[in-house]
Amino acid sequence: MEALIEFGKILIPASLVLYAVYLTVRSFILKEIELKRLEVRSRSIETVLPARLQAYERMTLFLERIAPQNLLIRLNNSGFTARDFHKVLLDEIRNEYNHNVSQQVYMGEEVWSQIRNAKEDLVILINEAASTLAPEATSIDLSKKIFEMLMEKKVDLISHALTELKKEIQQTF
């Protein structure tokens, strides 16, 4: 019995010391893991932040390039028929969109949806304008019709998408 008491005198303090060492080492390891997480996160922010800013810039440029006032002036050629110009406009919008579609990864779903809707609205507007013209109409006639229809619209979805894009940038940064 006396040997058991002596063994207990040694085992109990040793177990307390071992438990204290365990808690200390565990605390140290948890702090190190948290520091590593923060370091990885800051590195990822350093990597993603420029890409995200570039995505916002590219989508702003996309919206500006497909805005009818810019698109029609940039692409208009007096030698085009309305049908040819219609095809050129739709091809340009499609190419611009396809070139920038990957940027959706860096922005919110709501803003991306508004950008996509603005593009689709413009395509519908151009198609409607082209469908009202006679086969012998010129590119100037199509441009005029697009501007007329644009003036009749209550909401300019491209401007709205650009505003929402700017708001998201301001909230993010």
C-alpha atoms as a PDB file:
ATOM      1  CA  MET A   1       0.000   0.000   0.000  1.00  0.00           C
ATOM      2  CA  GLU A   2       2.841   2.315   0.852  1.00  0.00           C
ATOM      3  CA  ALA A   3       4.336   1.736  -2.595  1.00  0.00           C
ATOM      4  CA  LEU A   4       1.045   2.760  -4.161  1.00  0.00           C
ATOM      5  CA  ILE A   5       1.025   6.037  -2.202  1.00  0.00           C
ATOM      6  CA  GLU A   6       4.627   6.737  -3.226  1.00  0.00           C
ATOM      7  CA  PHE A   7       3.735   5.923  -6.833  1.00  0.00           C
ATOM      8  CA  GLY A   8       0.743   8.325  -6.608  1.00  0.00           C
ATOM      9  CA  LYS A   9       3.012  11.069  -5.199  1.00  0.00           C
ATOM     10  CA  ILE A  10       5.142  10.793  -8.311  1.00  0.00           C
ATOM     11  CA  LEU A  11       2.400  10.109 -10.889  1.00  0.00           C
ATOM     12  CA  ILE A  12      -0.041  12.905  -9.955  1.00  0.00           C
ATOM     13  CA  PRO A  13       2.489  15.791 -10.161  1.00  0.00           C
ATOM     14  CA  ALA A  14       4.026  14.274 -13.294  1.00  0.00           C
ATOM     15  CA  SER A  15       0.582  14.052 -14.924  1.00  0.00           C
ATOM     16  CA  LEU A  16      -0.174  17.682 -14.003  1.00  0.00           C
ATOM     17  CA  VAL A  17       3.146  18.807 -15.498  1.00  0.00           C
ATOM     18  CA  LEU A  18       2.533  16.722 -18.619  1.00  0.00           C
ATOM     19  CA  TYR A  19      -0.988  18.193 -18.986  1.00  0.00           C
ATOM     20  CA  ALA A  20       0.376  21.742 -18.576  1.00  0.00           C
ATOM     21  CA  VAL A  21       3.012  21.054 -21.240  1.00  0.00           C
ATOM     22  CA  TYR A  22       0.301  19.632 -23.517  1.00  0.00           C
ATOM     23  CA  LEU A  23      -1.854  22.770 -23.113  1.00  0.00           C
ATOM     24  CA  THR A  24       1.133  25.034 -23.734  1.00  0.00           C
ATOM     25  CA  VAL A  25       2.251  23.176 -26.862  1.00  0.00           C
ATOM     26  CA  ARG A  26      -1.315  22.981 -28.141  1.00  0.00           C
ATOM     27  CA  SER A  27      -1.788  26.716 -27.652  1.00  0.00           C
ATOM     28  CA  PHE A  28       1.490  27.416 -29.437  1.00  0.00           C
ATOM     29  CA  ILE A  29       0.589  25.169 -32.379  1.00  0.00           C
ATOM     30  CA  LEU A  30      -2.869  26.746 -32.720  1.00  0.00           C
ATOM     31  CA  LYS A  31      -1.317  30.221 -32.791  1.00  0.00           C
ATOM     32  CA  GLU A  32       1.176  29.112 -35.433  1.00  0.00           C
ATOM     33  CA  ILE A  33      -1.596  27.626 -37.568  1.00  0.00           C
ATOM     34  CA  GLU A  34      -3.601  30.860 -37.302  1.00  0.00           C
ATOM     35  CA  LEU A  35      -0.540  32.911 -38.292  1.00  0.00           C
ATOM     36  CA  LYS A  36       0.014  30.670 -41.312  1.00  0.00           C
ATOM     37  CA  ARG A  37      -3.642  31.070 -42.300  1.00  0.00           C
ATOM     38  CA  LEU A  38      -3.365  34.842 -42.075  1.00  0.00           C
ATOM     39  CA  GLU A  39      -0.162  34.777 -44.096  1.00  0.00           C
ATOM     40  CA  VAL A  40      -1.748  32.629 -46.808  1.00  0.00           C
ATOM     41  CA  ARG A  41      -4.818  34.867 -46.834  1.00  0.00           C
ATOM     42  CA  SER A  42      -2.765  38.041 -47.173  1.00  0.00           C
ATOM     43  CA  ARG A  43      -0.776  36.473 -50.020  1.00  0.00           C
ATOM     44  CA  SER A  44      -3.981  35.448 -51.770  1.00  0.00           C
ATOM     45  CA  ILE A  45      -5.377  38.962 -51.343  1.00  0.00           C
ATOM     46  CA  GLU A  46      -2.175  40.354 -52.852  1.00  0.00           C
ATOM     47  CA  THR A  47      -2.666  38.011 -55.796  1.00  0.00           C
ATOM     48  CA  VAL A  48      -6.426  38.306 -56.253  1.00  0.00           C
ATOM     49  CA  LEU A  49      -6.823  42.036 -55.621  1.00  0.00           C
ATOM     50  CA  PRO A  50      -5.051  43.162 -58.811  1.00  0.00           C
ATOM     51  CA  ALA A  51      -6.935  40.555 -60.858  1.00  0.00           C
ATOM     52  CA  ARG A  52     -10.212  41.691 -59.360  1.00  0.00           C
ATOM     53  CA  LEU A  53      -9.490  45.344 -60.065  1.00  0.00           C
ATOM     54  CA  GLN A  54      -8.557  44.437 -63.612  1.00  0.00           C
ATOM     55  CA  ALA A  55     -11.842  42.546 -63.988  1.00  0.00           C
ATOM     56  CA  TYR A  56     -13.799  45.613 -62.870  1.00  0.00           C
ATOM     57  CA  GLU A  57     -11.819  47.763 -65.298  1.00  0.00           C
ATOM     58  CA  ARG A  58     -12.415  45.349 -68.157  1.00  0.00           C
ATOM     59  CA  MET A  59     -16.148  45.154 -67.498  1.00  0.00           C
ATOM     60  CA  THR A  60     -16.356  48.950 -67.299  1.00  0.00           C
ATOM     61  CA  LEU A  61     -14.594  49.127 -70.644  1.00  0.00           C
ATOM     62  CA  PHE A  62     -16.918  46.428 -72.024  1.00  0.00           C
ATOM     63  CA  LEU A  63     -20.008  48.394 -71.002  1.00  0.00           C
ATOM     64  CA  GLU A  64     -18.577  51.601 -72.444  1.00  0.00           C
ATOM     65  CA  ARG A  65     -17.637  49.894 -75.712  1.00  0.00           C
ATOM     66  CA  ILE A  66     -21.101  48.378 -76.235  1.00  0.00           C
ATOM     67  CA  ALA A  67     -22.975  51.552 -75.280  1.00  0.00           C
ATOM     68  CA  PRO A  68     -24.927  52.422 -78.449  1.00  0.00           C
ATOM     69  CA  GLN A  69     -23.514  55.932 -78.718  1.00  0.00           C
ATOM     70  CA  ASN A  70     -19.979  54.501 -78.761  1.00  0.00           C
ATOM     71  CA  LEU A  71     -20.690  51.297 -80.658  1.00  0.00           C
ATOM     72  CA  LEU A  72     -22.546  52.930 -83.536  1.00  0.00           C
ATOM     73  CA  ILE A  73     -20.004  55.681 -84.036  1.00  0.00           C
ATOM     74  CA  ARG A  74     -17.025  53.322 -83.824  1.00  0.00           C
ATOM     75  CA  LEU A  75     -18.370  50.736 -86.269  1.00  0.00           C
ATOM     76  CA  ASN A  76     -20.480  52.751 -88.684  1.00  0.00           C
ATOM     77  CA  ASN A  77     -19.407  52.731 -92.287  1.00  0.00           C
ATOM     78  CA  SER A  78     -21.538  54.516 -94.854  1.00  0.00           C
ATOM     79  CA  GLY A  79     -20.891  51.672 -97.302  1.00  0.00           C
ATOM     80  CA  PHE A  80     -22.769  49.147 -95.154  1.00  0.00           C
ATOM     81  CA  THR A  81     -26.353  48.214 -95.755  1.00  0.00           C
ATOM     82  CA  ALA A  82     -28.556  48.026 -92.678  1.00  0.00           C
ATOM     83  CA  ARG A  83     -28.424  44.222 -92.820  1.00  0.00           C
ATOM     84  CA  ASP A  84     -24.597  44.207 -92.975  1.00  0.00           C
ATOM     85  CA  PHE A  85     -24.320  46.772 -90.198  1.00  0.00           C
ATOM     86  CA  HIS A  86     -26.761  44.774 -88.086  1.00  0.00           C
ATOM     87  CA  LYS A  87     -24.498  41.730 -88.418  1.00  0.00           C
ATOM     88  CA  VAL A  88     -21.377  43.786 -87.635  1.00  0.00           C
ATOM     89  CA  LEU A  89     -22.995  45.225 -84.497  1.00  0.00           C
ATOM     90  CA  LEU A  90     -24.110  41.843 -83.190  1.00  0.00           C
ATOM     91  CA  ASP A  91     -20.728  40.264 -83.966  1.00  0.00           C
ATOM     92  CA  GLU A  92     -18.915  43.064 -82.145  1.00  0.00           C
ATOM     93  CA  ILE A  93     -21.126  42.743 -79.055  1.00  0.00           C
ATOM     94  CA  ARG A  94     -20.753  38.965 -79.060  1.00  0.00           C
ATOM     95  CA  ASN A  95     -16.961  39.177 -79.460  1.00  0.00           C
ATOM     96  CA  GLU A  96     -16.610  41.786 -76.711  1.00  0.00           C
ATOM     97  CA  TYR A  97     -18.758  39.698 -74.386  1.00  0.00           C
ATOM     98  CA  ASN A  98     -16.936  36.441 -75.118  1.00  0.00           C
ATOM     99  CA  HIS A  99     -13.620  38.181 -74.599  1.00  0.00           C
ATOM    100  CA  ASN A 100     -14.684  39.322 -71.121  1.00  0.00           C
ATOM    101  CA  VAL A 101     -16.979  36.534 -69.918  1.00  0.00           C
ATOM    102  CA  SER A 102     -14.335  35.065 -67.602  1.00  0.00           C
ATOM    103  CA  GLN A 103     -14.352  38.259 -65.527  1.00  0.00           C
ATOM    104  CA  GLN A 104     -17.582  37.151 -63.845  1.00  0.00           C
ATOM    105  CA  VAL A 105     -15.446  35.080 -61.469  1.00  0.00           C
ATOM    106  CA  TYR A 106     -14.259  38.271 -59.775  1.00  0.00           C
ATOM    107  CA  MET A 107     -17.568  40.058 -59.293  1.00  0.00           C
ATOM    108  CA  GLY A 108     -20.835  39.578 -57.503  1.00  0.00           C
ATOM    109  CA  GLU A 109     -23.649  37.584 -59.076  1.00  0.00           C
ATOM    110  CA  GLU A 110     -26.030  40.553 -59.060  1.00  0.00           C
ATOM    111  CA  VAL A 111     -23.649  42.838 -60.935  1.00  0.00           C
ATOM    112  CA  TRP A 112     -22.756  40.146 -63.437  1.00  0.00           C
ATOM    113  CA  SER A 113     -26.446  39.483 -64.035  1.00  0.00           C
ATOM    114  CA  GLN A 114     -27.023  43.185 -64.711  1.00  0.00           C
ATOM    115  CA  ILE A 115     -24.110  43.298 -67.153  1.00  0.00           C
ATOM    116  CA  ARG A 116     -25.444  40.263 -68.979  1.00  0.00           C
ATOM    117  CA  ASN A 117     -28.972  41.730 -69.033  1.00  0.00           C
ATOM    118  CA  ALA A 118     -27.650  45.032 -70.392  1.00  0.00           C
ATOM    119  CA  LYS A 119     -25.920  43.191 -73.219  1.00  0.00           C
ATOM    120  CA  GLU A 120     -29.028  41.138 -74.001  1.00  0.00           C
ATOM    121  CA  ASP A 121     -31.217  44.244 -73.911  1.00  0.00           C
ATOM    122  CA  LEU A 122     -28.943  45.939 -76.416  1.00  0.00           C
ATOM    123  CA  VAL A 123     -29.013  42.900 -78.722  1.00  0.00           C
ATOM    124  CA  ILE A 124     -32.828  42.859 -78.569  1.00  0.00           C
ATOM    125  CA  LEU A 125     -32.944  46.609 -79.282  1.00  0.00           C
ATOM    126  CA  ILE A 126     -30.665  46.227 -82.315  1.00  0.00           C
ATOM    127  CA  ASN A 127     -32.681  43.260 -83.610  1.00  0.00           C
ATOM    128  CA  GLU A 128     -35.963  45.140 -83.211  1.00  0.00           C
ATOM    129  CA  ALA A 129     -34.562  48.210 -84.945  1.00  0.00           C
ATOM    130  CA  ALA A 130     -33.232  46.123 -87.828  1.00  0.00           C
ATOM    131  CA  SER A 131     -36.533  44.295 -88.241  1.00  0.00           C
ATOM    132  CA  THR A 132     -38.430  47.557 -88.789  1.00  0.00           C
ATOM    133  CA  LEU A 133     -36.256  48.742 -91.667  1.00  0.00           C
ATOM    134  CA  ALA A 134     -36.715  48.103 -95.369  1.00  0.00           C
ATOM    135  CA  PRO A 135     -34.220  45.749 -97.063  1.00  0.00           C
ATOM    136  CA  GLU A 136     -32.576  48.647 -98.949  1.00  0.00           C
ATOM    137  CA  ALA A 137     -31.957  50.699 -95.764  1.00  0.00           C
ATOM    138  CA  THR A 138     -28.453  51.930 -95.014  1.00  0.00           C
ATOM    139  CA  SER A 139     -26.337  51.688 -91.886  1.00  0.00           C
ATOM    140  CA  ILE A 140     -27.198  55.326 -91.144  1.00  0.00           C
ATOM    141  CA  ASP A 141     -30.902  54.426 -91.169  1.00  0.00           C
ATOM    142  CA  LEU A 142     -30.256  51.598 -88.725  1.00  0.00           C
ATOM    143  CA  SER A 143     -28.213  53.882 -86.468  1.00  0.00           C
ATOM    144  CA  LYS A 144     -30.993  56.479 -86.446  1.00  0.00           C
ATOM    145  CA  LYS A 145     -33.598  53.828 -85.642  1.00  0.00           C
ATOM    146  CA  ILE A 146     -31.484  52.433 -82.798  1.00  0.00           C
ATOM    147  CA  PHE A 147     -31.051  55.918 -81.317  1.00  0.00           C
ATOM    148  CA  GLU A 148     -34.791  56.598 -81.653  1.00  0.00           C
ATOM    149  CA  MET A 149     -35.670  53.383 -79.876  1.00  0.00           C
ATOM    150  CA  LEU A 150     -33.033  54.062 -77.232  1.00  0.00           C
ATOM    151  CA  MET A 151     -34.582  57.468 -76.512  1.00  0.00           C
ATOM    152  CA  GLU A 152     -37.997  55.842 -76.057  1.00  0.00           C
ATOM    153  CA  LYS A 153     -36.695  53.468 -73.376  1.00  0.00           C
ATOM    154  CA  LYS A 154     -37.295  54.533 -69.813  1.00  0.00           C
ATOM    155  CA  VAL A 155     -34.283  52.717 -68.362  1.00  0.00           C
ATOM    156  CA  ASP A 156     -30.825  52.482 -69.885  1.00  0.00           C
ATOM    157  CA  LEU A 157     -29.631  49.090 -68.633  1.00  0.00           C
ATOM    158  CA  ILE A 158     -26.039  49.733 -69.692  1.00  0.00           C
ATOM    159  CA  SER A 159     -25.829  52.886 -67.569  1.00  0.00           C
ATOM    160  CA  HIS A 160     -27.571  51.083 -64.729  1.00  0.00           C
ATOM    161  CA  ALA A 161     -25.138  48.141 -64.917  1.00  0.00           C
ATOM    162  CA  LEU A 162     -22.207  50.566 -64.973  1.00  0.00           C
ATOM    163  CA  THR A 163     -23.557  52.329 -61.888  1.00  0.00           C
ATOM    164  CA  GLU A 164     -23.993  49.040 -60.036  1.00  0.00           C
ATOM    165  CA  LEU A 165     -20.497  47.957 -61.065  1.00  0.00           C
ATOM    166  CA  LYS A 166     -19.074  51.172 -59.637  1.00  0.00           C
ATOM    167  CA  LYS A 167     -21.050  50.678 -56.413  1.00  0.00           C
ATOM    168  CA  GLU A 168     -19.640  47.167 -56.008  1.00  0.00           C
ATOM    169  CA  ILE A 169     -16.121  48.480 -56.535  1.00  0.00           C
ATOM    170  CA  GLN A 170     -16.672  51.124 -53.862  1.00  0.00           C
ATOM    171  CA  GLN A 171     -18.073  48.567 -51.418  1.00  0.00           C
ATOM    172  CA  THR A 172     -15.217  46.165 -52.056  1.00  0.00           C
ATOM    173  CA  PHE A 173     -12.452  48.719 -51.705  1.00  0.00           C
END
